[in-house]
Structures are given as C-alpha cells and as structure tokens.
Amino acid sequence: MLYDLGPAGLGLLLACALAFGGIAHVAFRGIRWLWLIGAAGWFVGGLVASELIWGSLTILEIQPIVDGLAFDESLLGGVVGGSLLVAMTWFADRQQRGRPAAR
C-alpha cells in the first residue's frame, strides 16, 4: 500500500484540526488546553481515516482527494476522533472539579 499524503493534503488536515480545536475551545470554556486536545484528536482521527481505513481506495472509488488526502473520509474520522477526545476531556475535568457532568 502506498501512502502519498502530500504537503497540501497535510496542510488542509492541519487547518481543519485547528479550526475544530478553536470551535471546541469556544464551546467549552474553562478548560485550558482543550483546543490542543481537540485539534490533536481531529488530526489523528482524520489521518487514520484517510490513510489507513480508506487508504487503499483509488481516485475512481472515492472523491475528493486533495494531494493524497481522502477529504470526506478525513472529515468523518476527524469528527469522531476530535469529538471523542473533547468529550473525554470535558468529563474528566468535571470529575476532577467535583461537579456533575450534567449542567
């Protein structure tokens, strides 16, 4: 299997990850490093989805592909990975501060 993620695809994945981290930071105020945790979750989830799960498909089978990045599939993986890490961080913060998880 050939992994051909180029700089433009990597940059697009990083930009999406940072945007998700910023949105998570604004939505869940009060957790100091949540933007970085959310962005890391998005990046890893998007990379795994694009390059490992759907990495063997060709340009005829999935679209759009941006410089080796299966864009739609990376969005799906990013949402799953980023949301999972943000939720885990939020619940852990609530437990540490002694507050219930429900508002």
PDB file of N, CA and C in Angstrom:
ATOM      1  N   MET A   1       0.834  -1.169   0.000  1.00  0.00           N
ATOM      2  CA  MET A   1       0.000   0.000   0.000  1.00  0.00           C
ATOM      3  C   MET A   1       0.883   1.238   0.000  1.00  0.00           C
ATOM      4  N   LEU A   2       0.550   2.197  -0.827  1.00  0.00           N
ATOM      5  CA  LEU A   2       1.331   3.422  -0.965  1.00  0.00           C
ATOM      6  C   LEU A   2       0.627   4.573  -0.263  1.00  0.00           C
ATOM      7  N   TYR A   3       1.321   5.196   0.680  1.00  0.00           N
ATOM      8  CA  TYR A   3       0.788   6.379   1.355  1.00  0.00           C
ATOM      9  C   TYR A   3       1.385   7.591   0.671  1.00  0.00           C
ATOM     10  N   ASP A   4       0.521   8.416   0.108  1.00  0.00           N
ATOM     11  CA  ASP A   4       1.017   9.526  -0.707  1.00  0.00           C
ATOM     12  C   ASP A   4       0.462  10.869  -0.246  1.00  0.00           C
ATOM     13  N   LEU A   5       0.385  11.076   1.043  1.00  0.00           N
ATOM     14  CA  LEU A   5      -0.114  12.338   1.572  1.00  0.00           C
ATOM     15  C   LEU A   5       0.924  13.432   1.349  1.00  0.00           C
ATOM     16  N   GLY A   6       0.557  14.405   0.547  1.00  0.00           N
ATOM     17  CA  GLY A   6       1.469  15.490   0.216  1.00  0.00           C
ATOM     18  C   GLY A   6       1.334  16.672   1.155  1.00  0.00           C
ATOM     19  N   PRO A   7       2.130  17.706   0.954  1.00  0.00           N
ATOM     20  CA  PRO A   7       2.099  18.861   1.848  1.00  0.00           C
ATOM     21  C   PRO A   7       0.771  19.618   1.813  1.00  0.00           C
ATOM     22  N   ALA A   8       0.115  19.683   0.664  1.00  0.00           N
ATOM     23  CA  ALA A   8      -1.169  20.387   0.601  1.00  0.00           C
ATOM     24  C   ALA A   8      -2.249  19.622   1.358  1.00  0.00           C
ATOM     25  N   GLY A   9      -2.258  18.302   1.238  1.00  0.00           N
ATOM     26  CA  GLY A   9      -3.214  17.487   1.980  1.00  0.00           C
ATOM     27  C   GLY A   9      -2.962  17.542   3.476  1.00  0.00           C
ATOM     28  N   LEU A  10      -1.706  17.502   3.858  1.00  0.00           N
ATOM     29  CA  LEU A  10      -1.340  17.589   5.265  1.00  0.00           C
ATOM     30  C   LEU A  10      -1.709  18.957   5.835  1.00  0.00           C
ATOM     31  N   GLY A  11      -1.477  20.009   5.053  1.00  0.00           N
ATOM     32  CA  GLY A  11      -1.847  21.356   5.488  1.00  0.00           C
ATOM     33  C   GLY A  11      -3.352  21.529   5.640  1.00  0.00           C
ATOM     34  N   LEU A  12      -4.115  20.948   4.726  1.00  0.00           N
ATOM     35  CA  LEU A  12      -5.571  21.019   4.816  1.00  0.00           C
ATOM     36  C   LEU A  12      -6.068  20.269   6.049  1.00  0.00           C
ATOM     37  N   LEU A  13      -5.497  19.123   6.324  1.00  0.00           N
ATOM     38  CA  LEU A  13      -5.866  18.360   7.516  1.00  0.00           C
ATOM     39  C   LEU A  13      -5.512  19.139   8.782  1.00  0.00           C
ATOM     40  N   LEU A  14      -4.364  19.771   8.805  1.00  0.00           N
ATOM     41  CA  LEU A  14      -3.953  20.572   9.955  1.00  0.00           C
ATOM     42  C   LEU A  14      -4.853  21.790  10.140  1.00  0.00           C
ATOM     43  N   ALA A  15      -5.243  22.441   9.052  1.00  0.00           N
ATOM     44  CA  ALA A  15      -6.140  23.597   9.136  1.00  0.00           C
ATOM     45  C   ALA A  15      -7.503  23.193   9.686  1.00  0.00           C
ATOM     46  N   CYS A  16      -8.035  22.074   9.228  1.00  0.00           N
ATOM     47  CA  CYS A  16      -9.316  21.579   9.747  1.00  0.00           C
ATOM     48  C   CYS A  16      -9.198  21.238  11.229  1.00  0.00           C
ATOM     49  N   ALA A  17      -8.083  20.637  11.617  1.00  0.00           N
ATOM     50  CA  ALA A  17      -7.875  20.269  13.015  1.00  0.00           C
ATOM     51  C   ALA A  17      -7.811  21.506  13.904  1.00  0.00           C
ATOM     52  N   LEU A  18      -7.104  22.528  13.472  1.00  0.00           N
ATOM     53  CA  LEU A  18      -7.009  23.754  14.268  1.00  0.00           C
ATOM     54  C   LEU A  18      -8.343  24.479  14.347  1.00  0.00           C
ATOM     55  N   ALA A  19      -9.120  24.454  13.265  1.00  0.00           N
ATOM     56  CA  ALA A  19     -10.450  25.062  13.288  1.00  0.00           C
ATOM     57  C   ALA A  19     -11.351  24.324  14.277  1.00  0.00           C
ATOM     58  N   PHE A  20     -11.317  23.007  14.276  1.00  0.00           N
ATOM     59  CA  PHE A  20     -12.108  22.230  15.226  1.00  0.00           C
ATOM     60  C   PHE A  20     -11.662  22.519  16.654  1.00  0.00           C
ATOM     61  N   GLY A  21     -10.360  22.604  16.884  1.00  0.00           N
ATOM     62  CA  GLY A  21      -9.856  22.919  18.218  1.00  0.00           C
ATOM     63  C   GLY A  21     -10.322  24.280  18.698  1.00  0.00           C
ATOM     64  N   GLY A  22     -10.341  25.257  17.800  1.00  0.00           N
ATOM     65  CA  GLY A  22     -10.834  26.585  18.166  1.00  0.00           C
ATOM     66  C   GLY A  22     -12.313  26.589  18.509  1.00  0.00           C
ATOM     67  N   ILE A  23     -13.104  25.867  17.727  1.00  0.00           N
ATOM     68  CA  ILE A  23     -14.541  25.780  17.998  1.00  0.00           C
ATOM     69  C   ILE A  23     -14.786  25.068  19.325  1.00  0.00           C
ATOM     70  N   ALA A  24     -14.050  23.997  19.593  1.00  0.00           N
ATOM     71  CA  ALA A  24     -14.208  23.279  20.853  1.00  0.00           C
ATOM     72  C   ALA A  24     -13.816  24.160  22.036  1.00  0.00           C
ATOM     73  N   HIS A  25     -12.788  24.960  21.878  1.00  0.00           N
ATOM     74  CA  HIS A  25     -12.336  25.843  22.951  1.00  0.00           C
ATOM     75  C   HIS A  25     -13.379  26.911  23.264  1.00  0.00           C
ATOM     76  N   VAL A  26     -14.015  27.435  22.237  1.00  0.00           N
ATOM     77  CA  VAL A  26     -15.050  28.444  22.442  1.00  0.00           C
ATOM     78  C   VAL A  26     -16.307  27.813  23.048  1.00  0.00           C
ATOM     79  N   ALA A  27     -16.656  26.622  22.593  1.00  0.00           N
ATOM     80  CA  ALA A  27     -17.874  25.963  23.064  1.00  0.00           C
ATOM     81  C   ALA A  27     -17.752  25.498  24.519  1.00  0.00           C
ATOM     82  N   PHE A  28     -16.584  25.025  24.912  1.00  0.00           N
ATOM     83  CA  PHE A  28     -16.377  24.518  26.269  1.00  0.00           C
ATOM     84  C   PHE A  28     -15.347  25.390  26.965  1.00  0.00           C
ATOM     85  N   ARG A  29     -15.748  26.576  27.375  1.00  0.00           N
ATOM     86  CA  ARG A  29     -14.840  27.499  28.039  1.00  0.00           C
ATOM     87  C   ARG A  29     -14.405  26.948  29.389  1.00  0.00           C
ATOM     88  N   GLY A  30     -13.231  27.315  29.809  1.00  0.00           N
ATOM     89  CA  GLY A  30     -12.759  26.969  31.136  1.00  0.00           C
ATOM     90  C   GLY A  30     -11.766  25.821  31.193  1.00  0.00           C
ATOM     91  N   ILE A  31     -11.606  25.093  30.121  1.00  0.00           N
ATOM     92  CA  ILE A  31     -10.621  24.009  30.097  1.00  0.00           C
ATOM     93  C   ILE A  31      -9.432  24.516  29.293  1.00  0.00           C
ATOM     94  N   ARG A  32      -8.307  24.628  29.948  1.00  0.00           N
ATOM     95  CA  ARG A  32      -7.168  25.376  29.415  1.00  0.00           C
ATOM     96  C   ARG A  32      -6.631  24.870  28.086  1.00  0.00           C
ATOM     97  N   TRP A  33      -6.357  23.600  27.943  1.00  0.00           N
ATOM     98  CA  TRP A  33      -5.715  23.068  26.747  1.00  0.00           C
ATOM     99  C   TRP A  33      -6.675  22.313  25.844  1.00  0.00           C
ATOM    100  N   LEU A  34      -7.958  22.591  25.957  1.00  0.00           N
ATOM    101  CA  LEU A  34      -8.939  21.848  25.189  1.00  0.00           C
ATOM    102  C   LEU A  34      -8.775  22.046  23.686  1.00  0.00           C
ATOM    103  N   TRP A  35      -8.366  23.218  23.259  1.00  0.00           N
ATOM    104  CA  TRP A  35      -8.191  23.469  21.821  1.00  0.00           C
ATOM    105  C   TRP A  35      -7.126  22.536  21.244  1.00  0.00           C
ATOM    106  N   LEU A  36      -6.052  22.324  21.998  1.00  0.00           N
ATOM    107  CA  LEU A  36      -4.978  21.462  21.519  1.00  0.00           C
ATOM    108  C   LEU A  36      -5.391  19.985  21.547  1.00  0.00           C
ATOM    109  N   ILE A  37      -6.116  19.597  22.579  1.00  0.00           N
ATOM    110  CA  ILE A  37      -6.589  18.215  22.680  1.00  0.00           C
ATOM    111  C   ILE A  37      -7.567  17.909  21.554  1.00  0.00           C
ATOM    112  N   GLY A  38      -8.507  18.833  21.305  1.00  0.00           N
ATOM    113  CA  GLY A  38      -9.468  18.638  20.213  1.00  0.00           C
ATOM    114  C   GLY A  38      -8.798  18.615  18.856  1.00  0.00           C
ATOM    115  N   ALA A  39      -7.836  19.496  18.652  1.00  0.00           N
ATOM    116  CA  ALA A  39      -7.124  19.530  17.371  1.00  0.00           C
ATOM    117  C   ALA A  39      -6.301  18.260  17.160  1.00  0.00           C
ATOM    118  N   ALA A  40      -5.674  17.771  18.215  1.00  0.00           N
ATOM    119  CA  ALA A  40      -4.894  16.533  18.099  1.00  0.00           C
ATOM    120  C   ALA A  40      -5.797  15.340  17.790  1.00  0.00           C
ATOM    121  N   GLY A  41      -6.956  15.294  18.427  1.00  0.00           N
ATOM    122  CA  GLY A  41      -7.906  14.221  18.153  1.00  0.00           C
ATOM    123  C   GLY A  41      -8.408  14.256  16.726  1.00  0.00           C
ATOM    124  N   TRP A  42      -8.701  15.470  16.237  1.00  0.00           N
ATOM    125  CA  TRP A  42      -9.148  15.613  14.855  1.00  0.00           C
ATOM    126  C   TRP A  42      -8.048  15.184  13.889  1.00  0.00           C
ATOM    127  N   PHE A  43      -6.832  15.628  14.132  1.00  0.00           N
ATOM    128  CA  PHE A  43      -5.719  15.321  13.233  1.00  0.00           C
ATOM    129  C   PHE A  43      -5.466  13.821  13.156  1.00  0.00           C
ATOM    130  N   VAL A  44      -5.384  13.178  14.306  1.00  0.00           N
ATOM    131  CA  VAL A  44      -5.118  11.732  14.320  1.00  0.00           C
ATOM    132  C   VAL A  44      -6.293  10.966  13.709  1.00  0.00           C
ATOM    133  N   GLY A  45      -7.518  11.337  14.066  1.00  0.00           N
ATOM    134  CA  GLY A  45      -8.687  10.666  13.501  1.00  0.00           C
ATOM    135  C   GLY A  45      -8.779  10.834  11.997  1.00  0.00           C
ATOM    136  N   GLY A  46      -8.515  12.041  11.515  1.00  0.00           N
ATOM    137  CA  GLY A  46      -8.543  12.286  10.077  1.00  0.00           C
ATOM    138  C   GLY A  46      -7.437  11.567   9.336  1.00  0.00           C
ATOM    139  N   LEU A  47      -6.273  11.524   9.926  1.00  0.00           N
ATOM    140  CA  LEU A  47      -5.144  10.828   9.305  1.00  0.00           C
ATOM    141  C   LEU A  47      -5.382   9.323   9.242  1.00  0.00           C
ATOM    142  N   VAL A  48      -5.882   8.764  10.320  1.00  0.00           N
ATOM    143  CA  VAL A  48      -6.171   7.324  10.349  1.00  0.00           C
ATOM    144  C   VAL A  48      -7.255   6.984   9.329  1.00  0.00           C
ATOM    145  N   ALA A  49      -8.322   7.788   9.288  1.00  0.00           N
ATOM    146  CA  ALA A  49      -9.413   7.508   8.347  1.00  0.00           C
ATOM    147  C   ALA A  49      -8.950   7.623   6.906  1.00  0.00           C
ATOM    148  N   SER A  50      -8.186   8.656   6.600  1.00  0.00           N
ATOM    149  CA  SER A  50      -7.765   8.887   5.225  1.00  0.00           C
ATOM    150  C   SER A  50      -6.715   7.900   4.753  1.00  0.00           C
ATOM    151  N   GLU A  51      -5.741   7.626   5.592  1.00  0.00           N
ATOM    152  CA  GLU A  51      -4.590   6.852   5.136  1.00  0.00           C
ATOM    153  C   GLU A  51      -4.633   5.378   5.509  1.00  0.00           C
ATOM    154  N   LEU A  52      -5.334   5.019   6.576  1.00  0.00           N
ATOM    155  CA  LEU A  52      -5.353   3.615   6.987  1.00  0.00           C
ATOM    156  C   LEU A  52      -6.660   2.913   6.641  1.00  0.00           C
ATOM    157  N   ILE A  53      -7.781   3.537   6.959  1.00  0.00           N
ATOM    158  CA  ILE A  53      -9.060   2.868   6.729  1.00  0.00           C
ATOM    159  C   ILE A  53      -9.424   2.868   5.248  1.00  0.00           C
ATOM    160  N   TRP A  54      -9.387   4.051   4.621  1.00  0.00           N
ATOM    161  CA  TRP A  54      -9.740   4.154   3.208  1.00  0.00           C
ATOM    162  C   TRP A  54      -8.530   4.411   2.318  1.00  0.00           C
ATOM    163  N   GLY A  55      -7.339   4.150   2.803  1.00  0.00           N
ATOM    164  CA  GLY A  55      -6.121   4.451   2.064  1.00  0.00           C
ATOM    165  C   GLY A  55      -5.892   3.606   0.830  1.00  0.00           C
ATOM    166  N   SER A  56      -6.500   2.451   0.758  1.00  0.00           N
ATOM    167  CA  SER A  56      -6.258   1.569  -0.384  1.00  0.00           C
ATOM    168  C   SER A  56      -7.190   1.848  -1.558  1.00  0.00           C
ATOM    169  N   LEU A  57      -8.185   2.708  -1.391  1.00  0.00           N
ATOM    170  CA  LEU A  57      -9.105   3.002  -2.486  1.00  0.00           C
ATOM    171  C   LEU A  57      -8.465   3.971  -3.470  1.00  0.00           C
ATOM    172  N   THR A  58      -8.925   3.934  -4.707  1.00  0.00           N
ATOM    173  CA  THR A  58      -8.358   4.790  -5.752  1.00  0.00           C
ATOM    174  C   THR A  58      -9.210   6.030  -5.944  1.00  0.00           C
ATOM    175  N   ILE A  59      -8.734   6.920  -6.798  1.00  0.00           N
ATOM    176  CA  ILE A  59      -9.445   8.164  -7.076  1.00  0.00           C
ATOM    177  C   ILE A  59     -10.773   7.903  -7.781  1.00  0.00           C
ATOM    178  N   LEU A  60     -10.897   6.763  -8.419  1.00  0.00           N
ATOM    179  CA  LEU A  60     -12.159   6.410  -9.067  1.00  0.00           C
ATOM    180  C   LEU A  60     -13.209   5.933  -8.059  1.00  0.00           C
ATOM    181  N   GLU A  61     -12.759   5.444  -6.903  1.00  0.00           N
ATOM    182  CA  GLU A  61     -13.673   4.904  -5.907  1.00  0.00           C
ATOM    183  C   GLU A  61     -14.122   5.928  -4.873  1.00  0.00           C
ATOM    184  N   ILE A  62     -13.263   6.879  -4.511  1.00  0.00           N
ATOM    185  CA  ILE A  62     -13.631   7.925  -3.557  1.00  0.00           C
ATOM    186  C   ILE A  62     -13.223   9.277  -4.100  1.00  0.00           C
ATOM    187  N   GLN A  63     -13.989  10.283  -3.757  1.00  0.00           N
ATOM    188  CA  GLN A  63     -13.683  11.646  -4.177  1.00  0.00           C
ATOM    189  C   GLN A  63     -14.129  12.582  -3.089  1.00  0.00           C
ATOM    190  N   PRO A  64     -13.643  13.714  -2.875  1.00  0.00           N
ATOM    191  CA  PRO A  64     -12.455  14.286  -3.486  1.00  0.00           C
ATOM    192  C   PRO A  64     -11.183  13.856  -2.765  1.00  0.00           C
ATOM    193  N   ILE A  65     -10.118  13.784  -3.510  1.00  0.00           N
ATOM    194  CA  ILE A  65      -8.795  13.514  -2.957  1.00  0.00           C
ATOM    195  C   ILE A  65      -7.947  14.763  -3.193  1.00  0.00           C
ATOM    196  N   VAL A  66      -7.454  15.354  -2.109  1.00  0.00           N
ATOM    197  CA  VAL A  66      -6.649  16.571  -2.172  1.00  0.00           C
ATOM    198  C   VAL A  66      -5.218  16.212  -1.803  1.00  0.00           C
ATOM    199  N   ASP A  67      -4.352  16.125  -2.784  1.00  0.00           N
ATOM    200  CA  ASP A  67      -2.935  15.821  -2.593  1.00  0.00           C
ATOM    201  C   ASP A  67      -2.722  14.581  -1.720  1.00  0.00           C
ATOM    202  N   GLY A  68      -3.482  13.536  -2.015  1.00  0.00           N
ATOM    203  CA  GLY A  68      -3.346  12.275  -1.301  1.00  0.00           C
ATOM    204  C   GLY A  68      -4.252  12.138  -0.089  1.00  0.00           C
ATOM    205  N   LEU A  69      -4.952  13.201   0.300  1.00  0.00           N
ATOM    206  CA  LEU A  69      -5.849  13.163   1.449  1.00  0.00           C
ATOM    207  C   LEU A  69      -7.263  12.873   0.973  1.00  0.00           C
ATOM    208  N   ALA A  70      -7.849  11.773   1.435  1.00  0.00           N
ATOM    209  CA  ALA A  70      -9.254  11.479   1.142  1.00  0.00           C
ATOM    210  C   ALA A  70     -10.080  12.413   2.019  1.00  0.00           C
ATOM    211  N   PHE A  71     -10.502  13.544   1.451  1.00  0.00           N
ATOM    212  CA  PHE A  71     -11.022  14.663   2.237  1.00  0.00           C
ATOM    213  C   PHE A  71     -12.283  14.310   3.012  1.00  0.00           C
ATOM    214  N   ASP A  72     -13.297  13.763   2.359  1.00  0.00           N
ATOM    215  CA  ASP A  72     -14.552  13.448   3.048  1.00  0.00           C
ATOM    216  C   ASP A  72     -14.335  12.429   4.157  1.00  0.00           C
ATOM    217  N   GLU A  73     -13.527  11.440   3.893  1.00  0.00           N
ATOM    218  CA  GLU A  73     -13.254  10.411   4.884  1.00  0.00           C
ATOM    219  C   GLU A  73     -12.441  10.974   6.050  1.00  0.00           C
ATOM    220  N   SER A  74     -11.542  11.910   5.777  1.00  0.00           N
ATOM    221  CA  SER A  74     -10.781  12.521   6.861  1.00  0.00           C
ATOM    222  C   SER A  74     -11.670  13.407   7.723  1.00  0.00           C
ATOM    223  N   LEU A  75     -12.681  14.021   7.123  1.00  0.00           N
ATOM    224  CA  LEU A  75     -13.634  14.797   7.920  1.00  0.00           C
ATOM    225  C   LEU A  75     -14.396  13.889   8.879  1.00  0.00           C
ATOM    226  N   LEU A  76     -14.827  12.745   8.397  1.00  0.00           N
ATOM    227  CA  LEU A  76     -15.541  11.793   9.244  1.00  0.00           C
ATOM    228  C   LEU A  76     -14.651  11.301  10.384  1.00  0.00           C
ATOM    229  N   GLY A  77     -13.444  10.903  10.061  1.00  0.00           N
ATOM    230  CA  GLY A  77     -12.513  10.447  11.100  1.00  0.00           C
ATOM    231  C   GLY A  77     -12.154  11.548  12.082  1.00  0.00           C
ATOM    232  N   GLY A  78     -12.032  12.774  11.575  1.00  0.00           N
ATOM    233  CA  GLY A  78     -11.719  13.899  12.448  1.00  0.00           C
ATOM    234  C   GLY A  78     -12.838  14.214  13.416  1.00  0.00           C
ATOM    235  N   VAL A  79     -14.068  14.183  12.932  1.00  0.00           N
ATOM    236  CA  VAL A  79     -15.213  14.439  13.812  1.00  0.00           C
ATOM    237  C   VAL A  79     -15.287  13.376  14.908  1.00  0.00           C
ATOM    238  N   VAL A  80     -15.101  12.131  14.533  1.00  0.00           N
ATOM    239  CA  VAL A  80     -15.168  11.052  15.521  1.00  0.00           C
ATOM    240  C   VAL A  80     -14.021  11.177  16.528  1.00  0.00           C
ATOM    241  N   GLY A  81     -12.789  11.301  16.041  1.00  0.00           N
ATOM    242  CA  GLY A  81     -11.636  11.380  16.933  1.00  0.00           C
ATOM    243  C   GLY A  81     -11.627  12.630  17.793  1.00  0.00           C
ATOM    244  N   GLY A  82     -11.902  13.766  17.180  1.00  0.00           N
ATOM    245  CA  GLY A  82     -11.899  15.021  17.926  1.00  0.00           C
ATOM    246  C   GLY A  82     -13.008  15.089  18.952  1.00  0.00           C
ATOM    247  N   SER A  83     -14.207  14.689  18.566  1.00  0.00           N
ATOM    248  CA  SER A  83     -15.341  14.725  19.494  1.00  0.00           C
ATOM    249  C   SER A  83     -15.133  13.767  20.667  1.00  0.00           C
ATOM    250  N   LEU A  84     -14.565  12.619  20.382  1.00  0.00           N
ATOM    251  CA  LEU A  84     -14.311  11.645  21.437  1.00  0.00           C
ATOM    252  C   LEU A  84     -13.323  12.197  22.466  1.00  0.00           C
ATOM    253  N   LEU A  85     -12.236  12.786  22.006  1.00  0.00           N
ATOM    254  CA  LEU A  85     -11.255  13.334  22.944  1.00  0.00           C
ATOM    255  C   LEU A  85     -11.777  14.548  23.693  1.00  0.00           C
ATOM    256  N   VAL A  86     -12.544  15.406  23.028  1.00  0.00           N
ATOM    257  CA  VAL A  86     -13.117  16.576  23.706  1.00  0.00           C
ATOM    258  C   VAL A  86     -14.100  16.122  24.776  1.00  0.00           C
ATOM    259  N   ALA A  87     -14.950  15.150  24.473  1.00  0.00           N
ATOM    260  CA  ALA A  87     -15.915  14.655  25.460  1.00  0.00           C
ATOM    261  C   ALA A  87     -15.205  14.015  26.648  1.00  0.00           C
ATOM    262  N   MET A  88     -14.190  13.217  26.376  1.00  0.00           N
ATOM    263  CA  MET A  88     -13.446  12.579  27.464  1.00  0.00           C
ATOM    264  C   MET A  88     -12.767  13.618  28.346  1.00  0.00           C
ATOM    265  N   THR A  89     -12.201  14.654  27.744  1.00  0.00           N
ATOM    266  CA  THR A  89     -11.541  15.712  28.499  1.00  0.00           C
ATOM    267  C   THR A  89     -12.541  16.495  29.330  1.00  0.00           C
ATOM    268  N   TRP A  90     -13.698  16.785  28.765  1.00  0.00           N
ATOM    269  CA  TRP A  90     -14.717  17.539  29.479  1.00  0.00           C
ATOM    270  C   TRP A  90     -15.230  16.758  30.684  1.00  0.00           C
ATOM    271  N   PHE A  91     -15.517  15.467  30.488  1.00  0.00           N
ATOM    272  CA  PHE A  91     -15.981  14.648  31.603  1.00  0.00           C
ATOM    273  C   PHE A  91     -14.901  14.497  32.674  1.00  0.00           C
ATOM    274  N   ALA A  92     -13.658  14.327  32.277  1.00  0.00           N
ATOM    275  CA  ALA A  92     -12.567  14.214  33.247  1.00  0.00           C
ATOM    276  C   ALA A  92     -12.394  15.511  34.028  1.00  0.00           C
ATOM    277  N   ASP A  93     -12.552  16.652  33.377  1.00  0.00           N
ATOM    278  CA  ASP A  93     -12.456  17.944  34.053  1.00  0.00           C
ATOM    279  C   ASP A  93     -13.585  18.102  35.060  1.00  0.00           C
ATOM    280  N   ARG A  94     -14.778  17.677  34.680  1.00  0.00           N
ATOM    281  CA  ARG A  94     -15.925  17.757  35.600  1.00  0.00           C
ATOM    282  C   ARG A  94     -15.703  16.866  36.820  1.00  0.00           C
ATOM    283  N   GLN A  95     -15.167  15.686  36.614  1.00  0.00           N
ATOM    284  CA  GLN A  95     -14.907  14.783  37.726  1.00  0.00           C
ATOM    285  C   GLN A  95     -13.835  15.345  38.660  1.00  0.00           C
ATOM    286  N   GLN A  96     -12.805  15.943  38.083  1.00  0.00           N
ATOM    287  CA  GLN A  96     -11.711  16.482  38.872  1.00  0.00           C
ATOM    288  C   GLN A  96     -12.175  17.659  39.726  1.00  0.00           C
ATOM    289  N   ARG A  97     -13.042  18.488  39.177  1.00  0.00           N
ATOM    290  CA  ARG A  97     -13.520  19.655  39.896  1.00  0.00           C
ATOM    291  C   ARG A  97     -14.679  19.330  40.830  1.00  0.00           C
ATOM    292  N   GLY A  98     -15.149  18.103  40.805  1.00  0.00           N
ATOM    293  CA  GLY A  98     -16.204  17.693  41.708  1.00  0.00           C
ATOM    294  C   GLY A  98     -17.579  18.154  41.307  1.00  0.00           C
ATOM    295  N   ARG A  99     -17.766  18.479  40.037  1.00  0.00           N
ATOM    296  CA  ARG A  99     -19.071  18.912  39.538  1.00  0.00           C
ATOM    297  C   ARG A  99     -19.719  17.774  38.765  1.00  0.00           C
ATOM    298  N   PRO A 100     -21.042  17.727  38.793  1.00  0.00           N
ATOM    299  CA  PRO A 100     -21.703  16.701  37.973  1.00  0.00           C
ATOM    300  C   PRO A 100     -21.537  16.998  36.493  1.00  0.00           C
ATOM    301  N   ALA A 101     -21.620  15.959  35.681  1.00  0.00           N
ATOM    302  CA  ALA A 101     -21.418  16.114  34.232  1.00  0.00           C
ATOM    303  C   ALA A 101     -22.561  16.860  33.571  1.00  0.00           C
ATOM    304  N   ALA A 102     -23.767  16.759  34.112  1.00  0.00           N
ATOM    305  CA  ALA A 102     -24.919  17.457  33.511  1.00  0.00           C
ATOM    306  C   ALA A 102     -24.973  18.875  34.039  1.00  0.00           C
ATOM    307  N   ARG A 103     -25.343  19.804  33.159  1.00  0.00           N
ATOM    308  CA  ARG A 103     -25.436  21.210  33.575  1.00  0.00           C
ATOM    309  C   ARG A 103     -26.784  21.520  34.100  1.00  0.00           C
TER     310      ARG A 103
END
